[in-house]
């Protein structure tokens, strides 16, 4: 069994897990109760899973890094899926078993602190330019500019 396993989650589902203490979403739109297990993957499978199932999610996504040794109420089974095998978590994932949470960009790649900062700065600059343009238009309309 791999030392660490990975699961793509919506940020909203992860926030809910922080409140309740355990994560119970199997895959986007399906619960552990409905599916019977939580889908996971090895690191090298994450991009393919993202491309197949999450690319058009339209929600903020995070990559959960899970330490199976920290699971208290779940068992991890590596099972065949098509021509490959994937880890499946049979039971809820304890919040404490999640050792890292990484935001994913729209292409499924990890966002760094720098990329999050740059996007935030670009948004703030865009809003500032829009506000300045609106102010200039108002001043022109009031005849206060030459």
N, C-alpha and C. Protein backbone atom coordinates (compact mmCIF):
# COMPACT_ATOMS: atom_id res chain seq x y z
N UNK A 1 0.85 -1.18 0.00
CA UNK A 1 0.00 0.00 0.00
C UNK A 1 0.89 1.24 0.00
N UNK A 2 0.54 2.27 -0.80
CA UNK A 2 1.36 3.48 -0.85
C UNK A 2 1.39 4.18 0.51
N UNK A 3 2.51 4.85 0.77
CA UNK A 3 2.62 5.55 2.04
C UNK A 3 1.60 6.67 2.15
N UNK A 4 1.49 7.47 1.11
CA UNK A 4 0.51 8.56 1.07
C UNK A 4 -0.44 8.30 -0.09
N UNK A 5 -1.70 8.66 0.09
CA UNK A 5 -2.66 8.59 -0.99
C UNK A 5 -3.28 9.97 -1.14
N UNK A 6 -3.97 10.19 -2.26
CA UNK A 6 -4.45 11.53 -2.60
C UNK A 6 -5.91 11.48 -3.00
N UNK A 7 -6.60 12.58 -2.71
CA UNK A 7 -8.02 12.70 -3.06
C UNK A 7 -8.28 14.15 -3.45
N UNK A 8 -8.94 14.35 -4.59
CA UNK A 8 -9.34 15.69 -5.01
C UNK A 8 -10.70 15.98 -4.38
N UNK A 9 -10.79 17.12 -3.73
CA UNK A 9 -12.02 17.50 -3.03
C UNK A 9 -12.41 18.92 -3.42
N UNK A 10 -13.70 19.21 -3.32
CA UNK A 10 -14.08 20.62 -3.44
C UNK A 10 -13.69 21.31 -2.14
N UNK A 11 -13.35 22.58 -2.25
CA UNK A 11 -12.99 23.33 -1.05
C UNK A 11 -14.16 23.35 -0.06
N UNK A 12 -15.38 23.40 -0.58
CA UNK A 12 -16.57 23.41 0.29
C UNK A 12 -16.69 22.10 1.07
N UNK A 13 -16.45 20.97 0.40
CA UNK A 13 -16.51 19.68 1.10
C UNK A 13 -15.42 19.59 2.16
N UNK A 14 -14.23 20.11 1.86
CA UNK A 14 -13.14 20.07 2.84
C UNK A 14 -13.47 20.96 4.04
N UNK A 15 -14.03 22.15 3.79
CA UNK A 15 -14.42 23.03 4.91
C UNK A 15 -15.45 22.33 5.80
N UNK A 16 -16.38 21.62 5.18
CA UNK A 16 -17.39 20.88 5.96
C UNK A 16 -16.70 19.82 6.82
N UNK A 17 -15.68 19.16 6.28
CA UNK A 17 -14.93 18.16 7.05
C UNK A 17 -14.20 18.80 8.22
N UNK A 18 -13.72 20.01 8.04
CA UNK A 18 -13.05 20.71 9.15
C UNK A 18 -14.03 20.95 10.29
N UNK A 19 -15.28 21.23 9.94
CA UNK A 19 -16.30 21.46 10.97
C UNK A 19 -16.74 20.17 11.65
N UNK A 20 -16.88 19.08 10.88
CA UNK A 20 -17.41 17.84 11.42
C UNK A 20 -16.33 16.90 11.98
N UNK A 21 -15.10 17.07 11.51
CA UNK A 21 -14.00 16.21 11.97
C UNK A 21 -13.67 15.06 11.05
N UNK A 22 -14.53 14.80 10.05
CA UNK A 22 -14.21 13.74 9.10
C UNK A 22 -14.74 14.09 7.71
N UNK A 23 -14.08 13.52 6.72
CA UNK A 23 -14.40 13.77 5.31
C UNK A 23 -15.16 12.57 4.77
N UNK A 24 -16.32 12.81 4.14
CA UNK A 24 -17.17 11.69 3.70
C UNK A 24 -17.68 11.84 2.27
N UNK A 25 -16.99 12.60 1.43
CA UNK A 25 -17.37 12.71 0.03
C UNK A 25 -16.56 11.71 -0.78
N UNK A 26 -17.24 10.85 -1.51
CA UNK A 26 -16.56 9.82 -2.29
C UNK A 26 -15.88 10.42 -3.51
N UNK A 27 -16.63 11.17 -4.25
CA UNK A 27 -16.16 11.87 -5.44
C UNK A 27 -17.14 13.00 -5.66
N UNK A 28 -16.85 13.88 -6.55
CA UNK A 28 -17.70 15.06 -6.72
C UNK A 28 -19.17 14.65 -6.94
N UNK A 29 -20.02 15.13 -6.06
CA UNK A 29 -21.45 14.84 -6.15
C UNK A 29 -21.91 13.51 -5.58
N UNK A 30 -20.99 12.74 -4.99
CA UNK A 30 -21.38 11.43 -4.42
C UNK A 30 -20.76 11.27 -3.04
N UNK A 31 -21.56 10.76 -2.12
CA UNK A 31 -21.09 10.60 -0.74
C UNK A 31 -20.51 9.21 -0.52
N UNK A 32 -19.81 9.07 0.58
CA UNK A 32 -19.30 7.76 1.02
C UNK A 32 -20.47 6.78 1.15
N UNK A 33 -21.56 7.25 1.73
CA UNK A 33 -22.73 6.39 1.92
C UNK A 33 -23.28 5.88 0.57
N UNK A 34 -23.32 6.75 -0.43
CA UNK A 34 -23.84 6.36 -1.74
C UNK A 34 -22.90 5.41 -2.49
N UNK A 35 -21.60 5.68 -2.41
CA UNK A 35 -20.61 4.94 -3.19
C UNK A 35 -20.06 3.71 -2.47
N UNK A 36 -20.02 3.76 -1.14
CA UNK A 36 -19.48 2.64 -0.37
C UNK A 36 -18.02 2.82 0.01
N UNK A 37 -17.33 3.72 -0.63
CA UNK A 37 -15.93 4.02 -0.33
C UNK A 37 -15.60 5.41 -0.88
N UNK A 38 -14.43 5.92 -0.51
CA UNK A 38 -13.96 7.21 -1.01
C UNK A 38 -12.86 6.93 -2.03
N UNK A 39 -13.03 7.48 -3.22
CA UNK A 39 -12.03 7.32 -4.27
C UNK A 39 -10.74 8.05 -3.90
N UNK A 40 -9.62 7.41 -4.14
CA UNK A 40 -8.31 8.04 -3.91
C UNK A 40 -7.39 7.61 -5.05
N UNK A 41 -6.17 8.10 -5.01
CA UNK A 41 -5.22 7.76 -6.07
C UNK A 41 -3.80 7.85 -5.53
N UNK A 42 -2.90 7.29 -6.31
CA UNK A 42 -1.47 7.49 -6.06
C UNK A 42 -1.10 8.83 -6.68
N UNK A 43 0.02 9.38 -6.29
CA UNK A 43 0.41 10.72 -6.77
C UNK A 43 0.42 10.79 -8.29
N UNK A 44 0.98 9.79 -8.94
CA UNK A 44 1.10 9.84 -10.41
C UNK A 44 -0.25 9.70 -11.12
N UNK A 45 -1.31 9.38 -10.39
CA UNK A 45 -2.64 9.24 -10.98
C UNK A 45 -3.49 10.50 -10.84
N UNK A 46 -3.04 11.45 -10.03
CA UNK A 46 -3.86 12.61 -9.69
C UNK A 46 -4.25 13.42 -10.93
N UNK A 47 -3.30 13.71 -11.81
CA UNK A 47 -3.61 14.54 -12.98
C UNK A 47 -4.63 13.86 -13.88
N UNK A 48 -4.50 12.57 -14.10
CA UNK A 48 -5.47 11.85 -14.92
C UNK A 48 -6.86 11.86 -14.31
N UNK A 49 -6.95 11.69 -13.01
CA UNK A 49 -8.24 11.75 -12.32
C UNK A 49 -8.83 13.14 -12.47
N UNK A 50 -8.01 14.16 -12.30
CA UNK A 50 -8.49 15.53 -12.47
C UNK A 50 -9.04 15.73 -13.88
N UNK A 51 -8.25 15.33 -14.88
CA UNK A 51 -8.65 15.53 -16.27
C UNK A 51 -9.96 14.81 -16.60
N UNK A 52 -10.15 13.61 -16.07
CA UNK A 52 -11.35 12.82 -16.38
C UNK A 52 -12.60 13.30 -15.63
N UNK A 53 -12.43 13.68 -14.38
CA UNK A 53 -13.62 13.90 -13.55
C UNK A 53 -13.80 15.31 -12.98
N UNK A 54 -12.75 16.10 -12.91
CA UNK A 54 -12.86 17.37 -12.18
C UNK A 54 -12.60 18.61 -13.02
N UNK A 55 -12.11 18.47 -14.24
CA UNK A 55 -11.71 19.63 -15.04
C UNK A 55 -12.83 20.66 -15.15
N UNK A 56 -14.05 20.25 -15.37
CA UNK A 56 -15.16 21.19 -15.52
C UNK A 56 -15.96 21.39 -14.25
N UNK A 57 -15.37 21.14 -13.10
CA UNK A 57 -16.12 21.19 -11.84
C UNK A 57 -16.71 22.56 -11.55
N UNK A 58 -16.03 23.62 -11.95
CA UNK A 58 -16.55 24.96 -11.69
C UNK A 58 -16.52 25.37 -10.23
N UNK A 59 -15.79 24.64 -9.42
CA UNK A 59 -15.65 24.96 -8.00
C UNK A 59 -14.18 25.00 -7.65
N UNK A 60 -13.85 25.64 -6.53
CA UNK A 60 -12.48 25.60 -6.04
C UNK A 60 -12.18 24.18 -5.57
N UNK A 61 -11.04 23.65 -6.01
CA UNK A 61 -10.66 22.30 -5.65
C UNK A 61 -9.37 22.29 -4.85
N UNK A 62 -9.25 21.29 -4.00
CA UNK A 62 -8.03 21.10 -3.23
C UNK A 62 -7.60 19.64 -3.35
N UNK A 63 -6.31 19.41 -3.21
CA UNK A 63 -5.78 18.05 -3.21
C UNK A 63 -5.46 17.68 -1.77
N UNK A 64 -6.13 16.64 -1.27
CA UNK A 64 -5.88 16.15 0.08
C UNK A 64 -4.78 15.10 0.02
N UNK A 65 -3.77 15.25 0.85
CA UNK A 65 -2.73 14.23 1.00
C UNK A 65 -3.05 13.49 2.29
N UNK A 66 -3.26 12.19 2.15
CA UNK A 66 -3.76 11.37 3.27
C UNK A 66 -2.71 10.37 3.71
N UNK A 67 -2.48 10.30 5.00
CA UNK A 67 -1.60 9.29 5.58
C UNK A 67 -2.48 8.14 6.07
N UNK A 68 -2.48 7.01 5.34
CA UNK A 68 -3.37 5.90 5.72
C UNK A 68 -3.14 5.39 7.14
N UNK A 69 -1.93 5.54 7.67
CA UNK A 69 -1.65 5.07 9.03
C UNK A 69 -2.42 5.88 10.08
N UNK A 70 -2.88 7.06 9.72
CA UNK A 70 -3.61 7.91 10.67
C UNK A 70 -5.12 7.73 10.61
N UNK A 71 -5.59 6.88 9.71
CA UNK A 71 -7.04 6.63 9.63
C UNK A 71 -7.46 5.77 10.81
N UNK A 72 -8.51 6.18 11.51
CA UNK A 72 -8.94 5.40 12.67
C UNK A 72 -10.19 4.58 12.40
N UNK A 73 -11.06 5.04 11.49
CA UNK A 73 -12.33 4.34 11.25
C UNK A 73 -12.46 3.90 9.80
N UNK A 74 -11.34 3.75 9.12
CA UNK A 74 -11.41 3.40 7.70
C UNK A 74 -10.28 2.45 7.34
N UNK A 75 -10.54 1.69 6.30
CA UNK A 75 -9.56 0.75 5.76
C UNK A 75 -9.27 1.15 4.32
N UNK A 76 -7.99 1.11 3.91
CA UNK A 76 -7.62 1.40 2.53
C UNK A 76 -7.39 0.08 1.81
N UNK A 77 -8.08 -0.08 0.69
CA UNK A 77 -7.89 -1.26 -0.16
C UNK A 77 -7.45 -0.78 -1.54
N UNK A 78 -6.40 -1.39 -2.07
CA UNK A 78 -5.96 -1.09 -3.42
C UNK A 78 -6.66 -2.09 -4.33
N UNK A 79 -7.50 -1.55 -5.22
CA UNK A 79 -8.36 -2.42 -6.03
C UNK A 79 -8.21 -2.12 -7.52
N UNK A 80 -8.43 -3.16 -8.34
CA UNK A 80 -8.33 -2.95 -9.79
C UNK A 80 -9.45 -2.06 -10.31
N UNK A 81 -9.07 -1.14 -11.19
CA UNK A 81 -10.02 -0.29 -11.92
C UNK A 81 -9.49 -0.25 -13.35
N UNK A 82 -10.19 -0.87 -14.26
CA UNK A 82 -9.69 -0.96 -15.63
C UNK A 82 -8.37 -1.70 -15.66
N UNK A 83 -7.37 -1.09 -16.28
CA UNK A 83 -6.04 -1.71 -16.39
C UNK A 83 -5.10 -1.28 -15.27
N UNK A 84 -5.59 -0.61 -14.27
CA UNK A 84 -4.75 -0.08 -13.20
C UNK A 84 -5.36 -0.45 -11.85
N UNK A 85 -4.73 -0.02 -10.78
CA UNK A 85 -5.29 -0.17 -9.44
C UNK A 85 -5.34 1.19 -8.77
N UNK A 86 -6.33 1.37 -7.92
CA UNK A 86 -6.49 2.62 -7.20
C UNK A 86 -6.78 2.32 -5.73
N UNK A 87 -6.31 3.18 -4.83
CA UNK A 87 -6.68 3.02 -3.42
C UNK A 87 -8.12 3.51 -3.19
N UNK A 88 -8.86 2.75 -2.45
CA UNK A 88 -10.22 3.13 -2.05
C UNK A 88 -10.27 3.13 -0.53
N UNK A 89 -10.85 4.17 0.04
CA UNK A 89 -10.93 4.31 1.49
C UNK A 89 -12.33 3.89 1.92
N UNK A 90 -12.40 2.79 2.65
CA UNK A 90 -13.67 2.26 3.13
C UNK A 90 -13.94 2.81 4.53
N UNK A 91 -14.56 3.96 4.56
CA UNK A 91 -14.89 4.63 5.81
C UNK A 91 -14.53 6.10 5.72
N UNK A 92 -14.93 6.88 6.71
CA UNK A 92 -14.64 8.31 6.70
C UNK A 92 -13.14 8.58 6.89
N UNK A 93 -12.69 9.67 6.30
CA UNK A 93 -11.29 10.08 6.45
C UNK A 93 -11.22 11.07 7.61
N UNK A 94 -10.49 10.70 8.64
CA UNK A 94 -10.31 11.58 9.80
C UNK A 94 -9.58 12.85 9.36
N UNK A 95 -10.01 13.97 9.89
CA UNK A 95 -9.34 15.24 9.58
C UNK A 95 -7.85 15.14 9.87
N UNK A 96 -7.47 14.45 10.93
CA UNK A 96 -6.07 14.32 11.31
C UNK A 96 -5.26 13.42 10.38
N UNK A 97 -5.93 12.62 9.53
CA UNK A 97 -5.21 11.78 8.57
C UNK A 97 -4.82 12.58 7.33
N UNK A 98 -5.39 13.75 7.17
CA UNK A 98 -5.05 14.62 6.04
C UNK A 98 -3.85 15.47 6.46
N UNK A 99 -2.70 15.15 5.88
CA UNK A 99 -1.45 15.79 6.30
C UNK A 99 -1.09 17.01 5.46
N UNK A 100 -1.80 17.21 4.35
CA UNK A 100 -1.56 18.40 3.53
C UNK A 100 -2.80 18.67 2.69
N UNK A 101 -3.10 19.95 2.48
CA UNK A 101 -4.21 20.38 1.64
C UNK A 101 -3.65 21.43 0.69
N UNK A 102 -3.67 21.12 -0.60
CA UNK A 102 -3.07 22.00 -1.60
C UNK A 102 -4.15 22.50 -2.56
N UNK A 103 -4.31 23.81 -2.69
CA UNK A 103 -5.26 24.33 -3.69
C UNK A 103 -4.81 23.92 -5.09
N UNK A 104 -5.78 23.61 -5.96
CA UNK A 104 -5.47 23.26 -7.34
C UNK A 104 -5.95 24.37 -8.27
N UNK A 105 -5.17 24.62 -9.33
CA UNK A 105 -5.60 25.61 -10.31
C UNK A 105 -6.58 24.96 -11.29
N UNK A 106 -7.03 25.71 -12.30
CA UNK A 106 -8.03 25.21 -13.25
C UNK A 106 -7.52 24.05 -14.11
N UNK A 107 -6.21 23.86 -14.12
CA UNK A 107 -5.63 22.75 -14.90
C UNK A 107 -5.31 21.55 -14.01
N UNK A 108 -5.61 21.66 -12.72
CA UNK A 108 -5.36 20.56 -11.80
C UNK A 108 -3.96 20.54 -11.24
N UNK A 109 -3.25 21.63 -11.39
CA UNK A 109 -1.88 21.71 -10.88
C UNK A 109 -1.89 22.44 -9.54
N UNK A 110 -0.99 22.06 -8.66
CA UNK A 110 -0.94 22.73 -7.34
C UNK A 110 -0.67 24.21 -7.48
N UNK A 111 -1.42 24.99 -6.71
CA UNK A 111 -1.18 26.43 -6.66
C UNK A 111 -0.20 26.71 -5.54
N UNK A 112 0.79 27.51 -5.86
CA UNK A 112 1.75 27.90 -4.84
C UNK A 112 1.25 29.15 -4.14
N UNK A 113 1.83 29.47 -3.02
CA UNK A 113 1.49 30.70 -2.32
C UNK A 113 1.71 31.90 -3.23
N UNK A 114 2.80 31.84 -4.03
CA UNK A 114 3.10 32.94 -4.94
C UNK A 114 2.02 33.08 -6.01
N UNK A 115 1.54 31.97 -6.59
CA UNK A 115 0.53 32.07 -7.64
C UNK A 115 -0.79 32.60 -7.07
N UNK A 116 -1.14 32.20 -5.86
CA UNK A 116 -2.34 32.72 -5.22
C UNK A 116 -2.19 34.23 -4.97
N UNK A 117 -1.02 34.66 -4.53
CA UNK A 117 -0.76 36.08 -4.28
C UNK A 117 -0.85 36.88 -5.58
N UNK A 118 -0.23 36.35 -6.65
CA UNK A 118 -0.24 37.06 -7.94
C UNK A 118 -1.67 37.21 -8.45
N UNK A 119 -2.47 36.14 -8.36
CA UNK A 119 -3.87 36.23 -8.81
C UNK A 119 -4.64 37.26 -7.99
N UNK A 120 -4.43 37.25 -6.69
CA UNK A 120 -5.10 38.23 -5.83
C UNK A 120 -4.67 39.64 -6.15
N UNK A 121 -3.39 39.83 -6.39
CA UNK A 121 -2.88 41.16 -6.73
C UNK A 121 -3.44 41.62 -8.08
N UNK A 122 -3.50 40.72 -9.06
CA UNK A 122 -4.06 41.08 -10.36
C UNK A 122 -5.52 41.49 -10.24
N UNK A 123 -6.27 40.78 -9.41
CA UNK A 123 -7.68 41.13 -9.20
C UNK A 123 -7.79 42.51 -8.55
N UNK A 124 -6.99 42.76 -7.52
CA UNK A 124 -7.03 44.07 -6.86
C UNK A 124 -6.64 45.19 -7.81
N UNK A 125 -5.62 44.96 -8.65
CA UNK A 125 -5.20 45.99 -9.61
C UNK A 125 -6.30 46.25 -10.63
N UNK A 126 -6.96 45.18 -11.09
CA UNK A 126 -8.05 45.34 -12.04
C UNK A 126 -9.19 46.15 -11.45
N UNK A 127 -9.54 45.86 -10.20
CA UNK A 127 -10.61 46.62 -9.53
C UNK A 127 -10.21 48.08 -9.33
N UNK A 128 -8.95 48.33 -9.01
CA UNK A 128 -8.49 49.71 -8.83
C UNK A 128 -8.55 50.47 -10.15
N UNK A 129 -8.15 49.84 -11.25
CA UNK A 129 -8.23 50.49 -12.56
C UNK A 129 -9.67 50.78 -12.94
N UNK A 130 -10.57 49.84 -12.66
CA UNK A 130 -11.98 50.05 -12.94
C UNK A 130 -12.53 51.22 -12.12
N UNK A 131 -12.16 51.30 -10.87
CA UNK A 131 -12.63 52.40 -10.01
C UNK A 131 -12.08 53.74 -10.51
N UNK A 132 -10.81 53.76 -10.94
CA UNK A 132 -10.23 55.01 -11.46
C UNK A 132 -10.93 55.42 -12.75
N UNK A 133 -11.24 54.48 -13.62
CA UNK A 133 -11.93 54.80 -14.87
C UNK A 133 -13.33 55.35 -14.57
N UNK A 134 -14.03 54.75 -13.61
CA UNK A 134 -15.37 55.23 -13.24
C UNK A 134 -15.29 56.64 -12.66
N UNK A 135 -14.29 56.90 -11.84
CA UNK A 135 -14.12 58.23 -11.27
C UNK A 135 -13.81 59.25 -12.35
N UNK A 136 -12.93 58.90 -13.29
CA UNK A 136 -12.60 59.81 -14.39
C UNK A 136 -13.83 60.11 -15.23
N UNK A 137 -14.66 59.10 -15.49
CA UNK A 137 -15.88 59.31 -16.27
C UNK A 137 -16.85 60.22 -15.53
N UNK A 138 -16.96 60.04 -14.22
CA UNK A 138 -17.84 60.89 -13.41
C UNK A 138 -17.35 62.33 -13.42
N UNK A 139 -16.06 62.52 -13.22
CA UNK A 139 -15.51 63.88 -13.24
C UNK A 139 -15.71 64.54 -14.60
N UNK A 140 -15.54 63.78 -15.67
CA UNK A 140 -15.74 64.32 -17.01
C UNK A 140 -17.21 64.69 -17.20
N UNK A 141 -18.12 63.83 -16.76
CA UNK A 141 -19.55 64.08 -16.89
C UNK A 141 -19.98 65.33 -16.09
N UNK A 142 -19.33 65.58 -14.99
CA UNK A 142 -19.66 66.75 -14.17
C UNK A 142 -18.94 68.00 -14.66
N UNK A 143 -18.12 67.83 -15.68
CA UNK A 143 -17.39 68.97 -16.25
C UNK A 143 -16.24 69.44 -15.38
N UNK A 144 -15.73 68.57 -14.53
CA UNK A 144 -14.66 68.95 -13.63
C UNK A 144 -13.27 68.64 -14.19
N UNK A 145 -13.23 68.14 -15.42
CA UNK A 145 -11.93 67.86 -16.06
C UNK A 145 -11.86 68.63 -17.35
N UNK A 146 -10.68 68.87 -17.83
CA UNK A 146 -10.50 69.62 -19.09
C UNK A 146 -10.47 68.71 -20.27
